[in-house]
């Protein structure tokens, strides 16, 4: 039987002064730090005993991504709308808008601000921790995705370069794998969807639209998007489960 995890009793609201510095900014920073540390600890304790299963899933996912790379261009051609009709132009406009606002400075900041305001208004420790989990998911997934794409140097499908991996580069035309837009948007959506589906499912739909827009705009291959989705699940699912577990464990204390 899995041993229960002892959790620290965190302050219940953003403005709780117990065990925290008297300065407001220090109170908030200390509270966020405590939440982030607790989420990491719980997520790690859930993943580590299942590390072999997680490793097997990663191997299977990697094989799937590599297999998809062999048929990326035909699939991409079937997904994209190239028609010059008014309907086709409308679809292209929607894709450009979703891609623009789906960047970190658009979708992610809006999500973080909305969750923070809701947690503050409701004085809810659950929504506060969910906000922290969304930020952590975005930073981890987006950071790793950006590191890989700069190192791998895969040519974008619309770069007019020979398809392939060119190695480390700072050229934007060779930063296709994986998709950073997809990584950051799903990095925020997956933890929220696991912790609180009523808020997370609409976010997943928006993130799916962002991923589609990157392919429609000929910026990424399907395998680029799939790799980013896998990264977001690797970090987002444990973080979302950690938010739920902390809520269950601390409910009697509240």
Foldseek 3Di string as FASTA:
>chain_A
DDDDDDADQADQFLPDPPPFDPDSVRSNVVRLVSLVVLLVVQLCVVCVVVVVVVVVVVVVLVVVLVVCVVCQVVVLVVLAQPDPDPVNVVVLVLLVVLQVQLACVHPVVVVLVVLVVVCNVVRGPLSVSLSSQLVVLLCQLLVVQQVVLQAQQAAQQPLPDDGDTDGHDPDLRRRAAADNSLLNQLSNLLLCCLQPVVVNVVSVVSSVSNLSSCSNVSGYTPSNNSVSNVSSCVRRNSSSVSSNSVCVVCVVVD
